Amino acid sequence: MYFLPVSTAAAASSSFPLLLPPPPPPSSSSSSSPPPPPYSSSSSTPPPPPLPPPPPSSSSSPPPPYSSSSTTPPLPPPPPPSSSSSSSSSIHFLIYLSFKYLFHPFFLSFFLSFFLSLSFFLSFFLSFFLSFFLLNSYFQFSFSSSIIYFLISIFRLSFILSFSDLIFLLFIYLLFFF
C-alpha cells in the first residue's frame, strides 16, 4: 500500500477547506433584523411569486353578485300565488266535501225518503183535487164515489211509493256496503 506523509496530508486539507453552514445570528438581533433574502443577487433564478391569500369560507361569505360579463341571466323570482288558483282550489274542496257527505248512505237515504215523501204528499193533494173537484164537476160523480176514488188512489200511490222507496234504499246500501 501507498501512504502519504503527514506533511502532504496537512497541505491537502489546508488547500480544500470544509464547507460549513454559517453560524446562526444571535437571538437578540433576530427579532429586529429582517429575514435574509431567499436568494442571492448573483443567482439568475427569479424569486417565487407570493402566495395569494386564502379565499373566505363559502358559508360565511354572501354569494357573488350578478356580473354583466357573464352570459347566463339570473333566475327570475317565483311569481306570487294568484287569487284565481286559490278560488279554484276552494271550489274543488267544496265539491269534494259535497260529494263526500251528500253521497253518504245515510244522507242519500234521508234525501231519497224526503223527496219520495214530498212527492207522496203532492200526489195526495193532486189526487184529492182531481177526485173531488174535477171528476165531480165534469162527470157528475156523487160525493161518496169521489171519496172512494180518492181513497183508492191514495192506497195505490202509497203502495207504489213505498215499494220504490224500498228498492232505492236497497240499491243504495248494496252499492255502498258491498
N, C-alpha and C. Protein backbone atom coordinates (compact mmCIF):
# COMPACT_ATOMS: atom_id res chain seq x y z
N MET A 1 0.84 -1.19 0.00
CA MET A 1 0.00 0.00 0.00
C MET A 1 0.87 1.24 0.00
N TYR A 2 0.21 2.29 -0.46
CA TYR A 2 0.95 3.54 -0.57
C TYR A 2 0.36 4.54 0.39
N PHE A 3 1.14 5.16 1.28
CA PHE A 3 0.71 6.15 2.27
C PHE A 3 1.39 7.46 2.00
N LEU A 4 0.58 8.54 2.15
CA LEU A 4 1.15 9.87 2.01
C LEU A 4 1.81 10.26 3.32
N PRO A 5 2.79 11.08 3.24
CA PRO A 5 3.36 11.56 4.51
C PRO A 5 2.43 12.56 5.18
N VAL A 6 2.67 12.80 6.44
CA VAL A 6 1.80 13.65 7.25
C VAL A 6 1.82 15.07 6.74
N SER A 7 2.92 15.56 6.28
CA SER A 7 3.01 16.95 5.79
C SER A 7 2.19 17.13 4.52
N THR A 8 2.18 16.12 3.68
CA THR A 8 1.39 16.21 2.43
C THR A 8 -0.10 16.19 2.73
N ALA A 9 -0.56 15.39 3.70
CA ALA A 9 -1.99 15.33 4.06
C ALA A 9 -2.43 16.63 4.70
N ALA A 10 -1.58 17.26 5.48
CA ALA A 10 -1.94 18.54 6.10
C ALA A 10 -2.04 19.63 5.06
N ALA A 11 -1.11 19.58 4.05
CA ALA A 11 -1.16 20.59 2.98
C ALA A 11 -2.42 20.42 2.14
N ALA A 12 -2.82 19.16 1.90
CA ALA A 12 -4.04 18.94 1.09
C ALA A 12 -5.28 19.39 1.83
N SER A 13 -5.36 19.20 3.16
CA SER A 13 -6.54 19.63 3.92
C SER A 13 -6.59 21.14 4.03
N SER A 14 -5.41 21.81 4.02
CA SER A 14 -5.44 23.27 4.09
C SER A 14 -5.83 23.89 2.76
N SER A 15 -5.56 23.23 1.63
CA SER A 15 -5.94 23.78 0.33
C SER A 15 -7.42 23.58 0.02
N PHE A 16 -8.11 22.59 0.62
CA PHE A 16 -9.56 22.32 0.43
C PHE A 16 -10.26 22.42 1.77
N PRO A 17 -10.68 23.61 2.17
CA PRO A 17 -11.35 23.70 3.49
C PRO A 17 -12.77 23.11 3.41
N LEU A 18 -13.26 22.68 4.53
CA LEU A 18 -14.62 22.11 4.62
C LEU A 18 -15.66 23.22 4.50
N LEU A 19 -16.77 22.93 3.74
CA LEU A 19 -17.86 23.90 3.59
C LEU A 19 -18.85 23.71 4.71
N LEU A 20 -18.86 24.58 5.68
CA LEU A 20 -19.77 24.50 6.81
C LEU A 20 -20.80 25.61 6.68
N PRO A 21 -22.05 25.40 7.16
CA PRO A 21 -23.05 26.49 7.11
C PRO A 21 -22.64 27.62 8.02
N PRO A 22 -23.06 28.83 7.67
CA PRO A 22 -22.68 29.97 8.51
C PRO A 22 -23.36 29.86 9.87
N PRO A 23 -22.75 30.39 10.88
CA PRO A 23 -23.35 30.31 12.22
C PRO A 23 -24.64 31.12 12.27
N PRO A 24 -25.62 30.66 13.04
CA PRO A 24 -26.89 31.41 13.14
C PRO A 24 -26.67 32.73 13.84
N PRO A 25 -27.48 33.74 13.47
CA PRO A 25 -27.32 35.05 14.13
C PRO A 25 -27.79 34.98 15.57
N PRO A 26 -27.33 35.89 16.38
CA PRO A 26 -27.77 35.88 17.79
C PRO A 26 -29.27 36.18 17.90
N SER A 27 -29.86 35.65 18.97
CA SER A 27 -31.32 35.73 19.15
C SER A 27 -31.79 37.15 19.42
N SER A 28 -30.97 38.01 19.97
CA SER A 28 -31.40 39.37 20.29
C SER A 28 -31.60 40.20 19.03
N SER A 29 -30.77 39.98 18.03
CA SER A 29 -30.88 40.78 16.80
C SER A 29 -31.83 40.15 15.78
N SER A 30 -32.30 38.91 16.05
CA SER A 30 -33.14 38.24 15.05
C SER A 30 -34.53 38.85 14.99
N SER A 31 -35.04 39.39 16.09
CA SER A 31 -36.38 39.97 16.09
C SER A 31 -36.41 41.32 15.39
N SER A 32 -35.31 42.09 15.44
CA SER A 32 -35.32 43.43 14.85
C SER A 32 -34.85 43.42 13.41
N SER A 33 -33.98 42.49 13.04
CA SER A 33 -33.44 42.49 11.68
C SER A 33 -34.40 41.77 10.75
N PRO A 34 -34.53 42.19 9.48
CA PRO A 34 -35.40 41.48 8.53
C PRO A 34 -34.83 40.12 8.20
N PRO A 35 -35.66 39.21 7.73
CA PRO A 35 -35.15 37.86 7.41
C PRO A 35 -34.23 37.94 6.21
N PRO A 36 -33.31 37.01 6.10
CA PRO A 36 -32.37 37.03 4.97
C PRO A 36 -33.12 36.79 3.67
N PRO A 37 -32.66 37.33 2.57
CA PRO A 37 -33.35 37.11 1.29
C PRO A 37 -33.26 35.65 0.88
N PRO A 38 -34.31 35.14 0.20
CA PRO A 38 -34.29 33.71 -0.14
C PRO A 38 -33.31 33.39 -1.25
N TYR A 39 -32.78 34.38 -1.91
CA TYR A 39 -31.82 34.10 -2.99
C TYR A 39 -30.75 35.17 -2.96
N SER A 40 -29.65 34.89 -3.52
CA SER A 40 -28.57 35.86 -3.60
C SER A 40 -28.69 36.66 -4.88
N SER A 41 -28.09 37.83 -4.89
CA SER A 41 -28.16 38.71 -6.06
C SER A 41 -27.39 38.15 -7.24
N SER A 42 -26.46 37.25 -6.95
CA SER A 42 -25.67 36.69 -8.04
C SER A 42 -26.40 35.57 -8.77
N SER A 43 -27.46 35.00 -8.16
CA SER A 43 -28.16 33.87 -8.81
C SER A 43 -29.05 34.42 -9.92
N SER A 44 -29.32 33.59 -10.93
CA SER A 44 -30.10 34.02 -12.09
C SER A 44 -31.57 33.62 -12.00
N THR A 45 -31.98 32.81 -11.04
CA THR A 45 -33.38 32.38 -10.94
C THR A 45 -34.22 33.49 -10.31
N PRO A 46 -35.43 33.78 -10.85
CA PRO A 46 -36.27 34.85 -10.25
C PRO A 46 -36.87 34.38 -8.94
N PRO A 47 -37.31 35.31 -8.14
CA PRO A 47 -37.91 34.91 -6.85
C PRO A 47 -39.28 34.28 -7.09
N PRO A 48 -39.71 33.37 -6.23
CA PRO A 48 -41.04 32.77 -6.40
C PRO A 48 -42.13 33.81 -6.13
N PRO A 49 -43.25 33.72 -6.85
CA PRO A 49 -44.32 34.72 -6.63
C PRO A 49 -44.94 34.53 -5.26
N PRO A 50 -45.44 35.60 -4.68
CA PRO A 50 -46.06 35.46 -3.35
C PRO A 50 -47.38 34.68 -3.45
N LEU A 51 -47.66 33.93 -2.43
CA LEU A 51 -48.88 33.12 -2.41
C LEU A 51 -50.11 34.02 -2.24
N PRO A 52 -51.22 33.72 -2.98
CA PRO A 52 -52.44 34.54 -2.79
C PRO A 52 -53.08 34.24 -1.45
N PRO A 53 -53.82 35.18 -0.91
CA PRO A 53 -54.48 34.92 0.39
C PRO A 53 -55.56 33.86 0.22
N PRO A 54 -55.81 33.07 1.24
CA PRO A 54 -56.84 32.02 1.12
C PRO A 54 -58.23 32.63 0.96
N PRO A 55 -59.07 32.01 0.11
CA PRO A 55 -60.43 32.58 -0.08
C PRO A 55 -61.26 32.39 1.18
N PRO A 56 -62.20 33.27 1.42
CA PRO A 56 -63.06 33.11 2.61
C PRO A 56 -63.98 31.90 2.45
N SER A 57 -64.44 31.42 3.58
CA SER A 57 -65.29 30.22 3.56
C SER A 57 -66.62 30.55 2.89
N SER A 58 -67.20 29.53 2.23
CA SER A 58 -68.44 29.74 1.47
C SER A 58 -69.65 29.91 2.38
N SER A 59 -69.57 29.40 3.61
CA SER A 59 -70.73 29.51 4.50
C SER A 59 -70.92 30.92 5.03
N SER A 60 -69.80 31.62 5.27
CA SER A 60 -69.92 32.95 5.85
C SER A 60 -70.01 34.05 4.81
N SER A 61 -69.48 33.82 3.60
CA SER A 61 -69.48 34.88 2.61
C SER A 61 -70.77 34.86 1.81
N PRO A 62 -71.32 36.02 1.43
CA PRO A 62 -72.53 36.04 0.60
C PRO A 62 -72.20 35.63 -0.82
N PRO A 63 -73.18 35.20 -1.60
CA PRO A 63 -72.89 34.81 -2.98
C PRO A 63 -72.48 36.02 -3.80
N PRO A 64 -71.64 35.81 -4.80
CA PRO A 64 -71.18 36.96 -5.59
C PRO A 64 -72.33 37.54 -6.38
N PRO A 65 -72.35 38.85 -6.54
CA PRO A 65 -73.46 39.47 -7.30
C PRO A 65 -73.35 39.13 -8.78
N TYR A 66 -74.46 39.32 -9.45
CA TYR A 66 -74.50 39.02 -10.88
C TYR A 66 -73.68 40.04 -11.63
N SER A 67 -72.70 39.57 -12.39
CA SER A 67 -71.85 40.47 -13.15
C SER A 67 -72.35 40.57 -14.58
N SER A 68 -72.10 41.71 -15.20
CA SER A 68 -72.58 41.92 -16.57
C SER A 68 -71.77 41.14 -17.58
N SER A 69 -70.58 40.65 -17.21
CA SER A 69 -69.77 39.91 -18.17
C SER A 69 -70.23 38.47 -18.35
N SER A 70 -70.98 37.92 -17.40
CA SER A 70 -71.43 36.53 -17.55
C SER A 70 -72.56 36.46 -18.56
N THR A 71 -72.72 35.30 -19.17
CA THR A 71 -73.70 35.15 -20.26
C THR A 71 -75.05 34.65 -19.78
N THR A 72 -75.12 33.93 -18.67
CA THR A 72 -76.41 33.40 -18.21
C THR A 72 -77.09 34.41 -17.31
N PRO A 73 -78.36 34.75 -17.59
CA PRO A 73 -79.06 35.72 -16.71
C PRO A 73 -79.48 35.06 -15.41
N PRO A 74 -79.74 35.83 -14.39
CA PRO A 74 -80.18 35.23 -13.12
C PRO A 74 -81.60 34.70 -13.23
N LEU A 75 -81.93 33.77 -12.37
CA LEU A 75 -83.27 33.19 -12.37
C LEU A 75 -84.28 34.22 -11.88
N PRO A 76 -85.44 34.30 -12.53
CA PRO A 76 -86.45 35.27 -12.06
C PRO A 76 -87.06 34.80 -10.76
N PRO A 77 -87.56 35.70 -9.95
CA PRO A 77 -88.20 35.29 -8.68
C PRO A 77 -89.50 34.55 -8.96
N PRO A 78 -89.91 33.64 -8.09
CA PRO A 78 -91.16 32.91 -8.33
C PRO A 78 -92.35 33.84 -8.27
N PRO A 79 -93.33 33.61 -9.14
CA PRO A 79 -94.50 34.50 -9.14
C PRO A 79 -95.35 34.30 -7.90
N PRO A 80 -95.98 35.33 -7.42
CA PRO A 80 -96.85 35.17 -6.23
C PRO A 80 -98.09 34.37 -6.58
N PRO A 81 -98.68 33.66 -5.63
CA PRO A 81 -99.88 32.87 -5.93
C PRO A 81 -101.04 33.78 -6.30
N SER A 82 -101.66 33.44 -7.39
CA SER A 82 -102.77 34.27 -7.87
C SER A 82 -104.05 33.94 -7.12
N SER A 83 -104.98 34.87 -7.18
CA SER A 83 -106.25 34.67 -6.47
C SER A 83 -107.13 33.66 -7.19
N SER A 84 -106.97 33.53 -8.51
CA SER A 84 -107.79 32.57 -9.26
C SER A 84 -107.47 31.14 -8.87
N SER A 85 -106.16 30.86 -8.63
CA SER A 85 -105.80 29.50 -8.23
C SER A 85 -106.35 29.17 -6.84
N SER A 86 -106.33 30.15 -5.93
CA SER A 86 -106.87 29.88 -4.59
C SER A 86 -108.38 29.69 -4.63
N SER A 87 -109.07 30.46 -5.47
CA SER A 87 -110.52 30.29 -5.57
C SER A 87 -110.88 28.96 -6.21
N SER A 88 -110.09 28.55 -7.22
CA SER A 88 -110.39 27.25 -7.84
C SER A 88 -110.12 26.11 -6.88
N SER A 89 -109.07 26.23 -6.05
CA SER A 89 -108.82 25.17 -5.07
C SER A 89 -109.92 25.12 -4.01
N SER A 90 -110.45 26.28 -3.61
CA SER A 90 -111.55 26.26 -2.64
C SER A 90 -112.82 25.66 -3.26
N ILE A 91 -113.06 25.93 -4.54
CA ILE A 91 -114.22 25.34 -5.21
C ILE A 91 -114.07 23.83 -5.30
N HIS A 92 -112.86 23.38 -5.62
CA HIS A 92 -112.61 21.93 -5.68
C HIS A 92 -112.81 21.29 -4.32
N PHE A 93 -112.38 21.99 -3.28
CA PHE A 93 -112.55 21.44 -1.94
C PHE A 93 -114.03 21.35 -1.56
N LEU A 94 -114.82 22.35 -1.93
CA LEU A 94 -116.26 22.31 -1.65
C LEU A 94 -116.95 21.20 -2.42
N ILE A 95 -116.53 20.99 -3.65
CA ILE A 95 -117.11 19.89 -4.43
C ILE A 95 -116.76 18.56 -3.80
N TYR A 96 -115.51 18.45 -3.34
CA TYR A 96 -115.10 17.20 -2.69
C TYR A 96 -115.93 16.94 -1.43
N LEU A 97 -116.13 17.98 -0.61
CA LEU A 97 -116.93 17.81 0.61
C LEU A 97 -118.37 17.45 0.29
N SER A 98 -118.93 18.10 -0.72
CA SER A 98 -120.32 17.80 -1.06
C SER A 98 -120.47 16.37 -1.55
N PHE A 99 -119.51 15.90 -2.34
CA PHE A 99 -119.60 14.52 -2.81
C PHE A 99 -119.33 13.53 -1.69
N LYS A 100 -118.48 13.94 -0.76
CA LYS A 100 -118.16 13.02 0.33
C LYS A 100 -119.33 12.83 1.29
N TYR A 101 -120.01 13.92 1.62
CA TYR A 101 -121.06 13.84 2.64
C TYR A 101 -122.46 13.68 2.05
N LEU A 102 -122.69 14.23 0.87
CA LEU A 102 -124.03 14.09 0.29
C LEU A 102 -124.27 12.69 -0.26
N PHE A 103 -123.20 12.01 -0.65
CA PHE A 103 -123.36 10.67 -1.18
C PHE A 103 -123.09 9.60 -0.13
N HIS A 104 -123.08 10.00 1.10
CA HIS A 104 -123.02 9.02 2.18
C HIS A 104 -124.36 8.27 2.22
N PRO A 105 -124.36 6.98 2.58
CA PRO A 105 -125.63 6.22 2.57
C PRO A 105 -126.72 6.82 3.45
N PHE A 106 -126.33 7.36 4.60
CA PHE A 106 -127.34 7.94 5.49
C PHE A 106 -128.01 9.14 4.82
N PHE A 107 -127.18 10.04 4.28
CA PHE A 107 -127.75 11.23 3.66
C PHE A 107 -128.52 10.89 2.39
N LEU A 108 -128.03 9.92 1.66
CA LEU A 108 -128.74 9.52 0.45
C LEU A 108 -130.11 8.95 0.78
N SER A 109 -130.15 8.10 1.78
CA SER A 109 -131.44 7.52 2.17
C SER A 109 -132.37 8.59 2.73
N PHE A 110 -131.78 9.54 3.49
CA PHE A 110 -132.62 10.61 4.04
C PHE A 110 -133.22 11.47 2.93
N PHE A 111 -132.37 11.89 1.99
CA PHE A 111 -132.88 12.74 0.90
C PHE A 111 -133.86 11.98 0.01
N LEU A 112 -133.56 10.73 -0.20
CA LEU A 112 -134.46 9.95 -1.04
C LEU A 112 -135.82 9.78 -0.38
N SER A 113 -135.81 9.45 0.89
CA SER A 113 -137.09 9.31 1.59
C SER A 113 -137.83 10.65 1.70
N PHE A 114 -137.04 11.73 1.87
CA PHE A 114 -137.68 13.04 1.95
C PHE A 114 -138.37 13.41 0.63
N PHE A 115 -137.67 13.20 -0.47
CA PHE A 115 -138.26 13.56 -1.76
C PHE A 115 -139.40 12.63 -2.14
N LEU A 116 -139.28 11.39 -1.74
CA LEU A 116 -140.39 10.48 -2.02
C LEU A 116 -141.61 10.83 -1.17
N SER A 117 -141.36 11.23 0.06
CA SER A 117 -142.49 11.66 0.90
C SER A 117 -143.11 12.95 0.37
N LEU A 118 -142.26 13.83 -0.09
CA LEU A 118 -142.79 15.06 -0.68
C LEU A 118 -143.62 14.77 -1.93
N SER A 119 -143.10 13.89 -2.75
CA SER A 119 -143.88 13.51 -3.93
C SER A 119 -145.17 12.80 -3.54
N PHE A 120 -145.11 12.02 -2.46
CA PHE A 120 -146.33 11.35 -2.00
C PHE A 120 -147.39 12.38 -1.57
N PHE A 121 -146.98 13.38 -0.81
CA PHE A 121 -147.95 14.38 -0.36
C PHE A 121 -148.46 15.24 -1.51
N LEU A 122 -147.59 15.52 -2.44
CA LEU A 122 -148.05 16.28 -3.61
C LEU A 122 -149.04 15.47 -4.43
N SER A 123 -148.73 14.21 -4.59
CA SER A 123 -149.68 13.36 -5.33
C SER A 123 -150.98 13.16 -4.54
N PHE A 124 -150.85 13.15 -3.22
CA PHE A 124 -152.05 13.04 -2.39
C PHE A 124 -152.99 14.22 -2.63
N PHE A 125 -152.43 15.42 -2.57
CA PHE A 125 -153.29 16.59 -2.77
C PHE A 125 -153.76 16.71 -4.22
N LEU A 126 -152.91 16.26 -5.12
CA LEU A 126 -153.33 16.30 -6.52
C LEU A 126 -154.47 15.32 -6.77
N SER A 127 -154.35 14.13 -6.22
CA SER A 127 -155.43 13.15 -6.40
C SER A 127 -156.71 13.62 -5.69
N PHE A 128 -156.53 14.24 -4.54
CA PHE A 128 -157.71 14.77 -3.86
C PHE A 128 -158.39 15.86 -4.70
N PHE A 129 -157.58 16.71 -5.26
CA PHE A 129 -158.15 17.77 -6.09
C PHE A 129 -158.85 17.19 -7.32
N LEU A 130 -158.20 16.22 -7.94
CA LEU A 130 -158.80 15.61 -9.14
C LEU A 130 -160.09 14.86 -8.81
N SER A 131 -160.04 14.11 -7.76
CA SER A 131 -161.21 13.27 -7.44
C SER A 131 -162.39 14.08 -6.92
N PHE A 132 -162.11 15.09 -6.15
CA PHE A 132 -163.22 15.78 -5.50
C PHE A 132 -163.80 16.91 -6.35
N PHE A 133 -162.92 17.60 -7.06
CA PHE A 133 -163.42 18.77 -7.79
C PHE A 133 -163.61 18.50 -9.29
N LEU A 134 -162.54 18.01 -9.91
CA LEU A 134 -162.62 17.89 -11.36
C LEU A 134 -163.57 16.77 -11.78
N LEU A 135 -163.38 15.62 -11.18
CA LEU A 135 -164.23 14.50 -11.60
C LEU A 135 -165.69 14.74 -11.20
N ASN A 136 -165.89 15.33 -10.09
CA ASN A 136 -167.26 15.60 -9.65
C ASN A 136 -167.94 16.65 -10.53
N SER A 137 -167.18 17.58 -11.01
CA SER A 137 -167.77 18.63 -11.83
C SER A 137 -167.99 18.17 -13.27
N TYR A 138 -167.00 17.39 -13.81
CA TYR A 138 -167.13 17.02 -15.21
C TYR A 138 -168.00 15.78 -15.42
N PHE A 139 -167.83 14.81 -14.57
CA PHE A 139 -168.56 13.56 -14.78
C PHE A 139 -169.76 13.41 -13.86
N GLN A 140 -170.02 14.40 -13.09
CA GLN A 140 -171.18 14.40 -12.19
C GLN A 140 -171.15 13.21 -11.23
N PHE A 141 -169.93 13.01 -10.64
CA PHE A 141 -169.82 11.96 -9.63
C PHE A 141 -170.47 12.45 -8.35
N SER A 142 -170.97 11.50 -7.64
CA SER A 142 -171.50 11.85 -6.33
C SER A 142 -170.36 12.03 -5.34
N PHE A 143 -170.69 12.53 -4.18
CA PHE A 143 -169.66 12.78 -3.16
C PHE A 143 -169.07 11.47 -2.66
N SER A 144 -169.85 10.44 -2.48
CA SER A 144 -169.36 9.15 -1.98
C SER A 144 -168.45 8.47 -3.00
N SER A 145 -168.80 8.54 -4.25
CA SER A 145 -167.95 7.92 -5.28
C SER A 145 -166.61 8.65 -5.41
N SER A 146 -166.63 9.94 -5.27
CA SER A 146 -165.37 10.69 -5.33
C SER A 146 -164.49 10.38 -4.12
N ILE A 147 -165.09 10.18 -2.95
CA ILE A 147 -164.30 9.80 -1.78
C ILE A 147 -163.71 8.41 -1.96
N ILE A 148 -164.46 7.51 -2.52
CA ILE A 148 -163.95 6.15 -2.76
C ILE A 148 -162.80 6.19 -3.77
N TYR A 149 -163.00 6.94 -4.81
CA TYR A 149 -161.93 7.06 -5.80
C TYR A 149 -160.68 7.69 -5.19
N PHE A 150 -160.89 8.65 -4.35
CA PHE A 150 -159.77 9.32 -3.68
C PHE A 150 -159.01 8.34 -2.78
N LEU A 151 -159.71 7.51 -2.02
CA LEU A 151 -159.05 6.54 -1.13
C LEU A 151 -158.32 5.47 -1.93
N ILE A 152 -158.92 5.04 -3.01
CA ILE A 152 -158.25 4.03 -3.84
C ILE A 152 -156.96 4.59 -4.44
N SER A 153 -157.02 5.80 -4.90
CA SER A 153 -155.81 6.42 -5.46
C SER A 153 -154.74 6.63 -4.40
N ILE A 154 -155.16 6.97 -3.19
CA ILE A 154 -154.19 7.15 -2.10
C ILE A 154 -153.50 5.83 -1.78
N PHE A 155 -154.22 4.78 -1.63
CA PHE A 155 -153.61 3.49 -1.30
C PHE A 155 -152.73 2.99 -2.43
N ARG A 156 -153.19 3.17 -3.62
CA ARG A 156 -152.39 2.72 -4.75
C ARG A 156 -151.08 3.50 -4.85
N LEU A 157 -151.16 4.80 -4.67
CA LEU A 157 -149.96 5.63 -4.73
C LEU A 157 -149.02 5.37 -3.56
N SER A 158 -149.52 5.19 -2.39
CA SER A 158 -148.66 4.90 -1.24
C SER A 158 -147.96 3.57 -1.40
N PHE A 159 -148.66 2.60 -1.96
CA PHE A 159 -148.02 1.30 -2.19
C PHE A 159 -146.89 1.42 -3.21
N ILE A 160 -147.14 2.15 -4.28
CA ILE A 160 -146.11 2.32 -5.32
C ILE A 160 -144.91 3.08 -4.76
N LEU A 161 -145.17 4.12 -4.01
CA LEU A 161 -144.07 4.92 -3.48
C LEU A 161 -143.28 4.17 -2.41
N SER A 162 -143.94 3.45 -1.56
CA SER A 162 -143.21 2.69 -0.54
C SER A 162 -142.38 1.59 -1.17
N PHE A 163 -142.92 0.95 -2.20
CA PHE A 163 -142.17 -0.10 -2.87
C PHE A 163 -140.94 0.48 -3.59
N SER A 164 -141.12 1.59 -4.26
CA SER A 164 -139.98 2.22 -4.94
C SER A 164 -138.96 2.75 -3.93
N ASP A 165 -139.45 3.24 -2.80
CA ASP A 165 -138.55 3.70 -1.74
C ASP A 165 -137.69 2.56 -1.22
N LEU A 166 -138.28 1.43 -1.00
CA LEU A 166 -137.52 0.26 -0.53
C LEU A 166 -136.52 -0.20 -1.58
N ILE A 167 -136.90 -0.18 -2.82
CA ILE A 167 -135.98 -0.61 -3.88
C ILE A 167 -134.78 0.33 -3.96
N PHE A 168 -135.04 1.62 -3.88
CA PHE A 168 -133.93 2.58 -3.95
C PHE A 168 -133.02 2.49 -2.74
N LEU A 169 -133.59 2.33 -1.58
CA LEU A 169 -132.75 2.19 -0.38
C LEU A 169 -131.92 0.92 -0.43
N LEU A 170 -132.52 -0.15 -0.90
CA LEU A 170 -131.77 -1.40 -1.03
C LEU A 170 -130.63 -1.25 -2.03
N PHE A 171 -130.90 -0.58 -3.10
CA PHE A 171 -129.87 -0.35 -4.12
C PHE A 171 -128.72 0.49 -3.55
N ILE A 172 -129.04 1.51 -2.77
CA ILE A 172 -128.00 2.37 -2.20
C ILE A 172 -127.14 1.61 -1.20
N TYR A 173 -127.76 0.83 -0.34
CA TYR A 173 -126.98 0.09 0.65
C TYR A 173 -126.14 -1.00 0.01
N LEU A 174 -126.66 -1.62 -1.03
CA LEU A 174 -125.85 -2.61 -1.75
C LEU A 174 -124.69 -1.94 -2.47
N LEU A 175 -124.92 -0.76 -2.96
CA LEU A 175 -123.86 -0.06 -3.68
C LEU A 175 -122.74 0.40 -2.76
N PHE A 176 -123.06 0.81 -1.55
CA PHE A 176 -122.05 1.38 -0.66
C PHE A 176 -121.44 0.37 0.30
N PHE A 177 -122.09 -0.71 0.57
CA PHE A 177 -121.58 -1.64 1.58
C PHE A 177 -121.09 -2.95 1.00
N PHE A 178 -121.25 -3.18 -0.27
CA PHE A 178 -120.77 -4.43 -0.88
C PHE A 178 -119.97 -4.15 -2.12
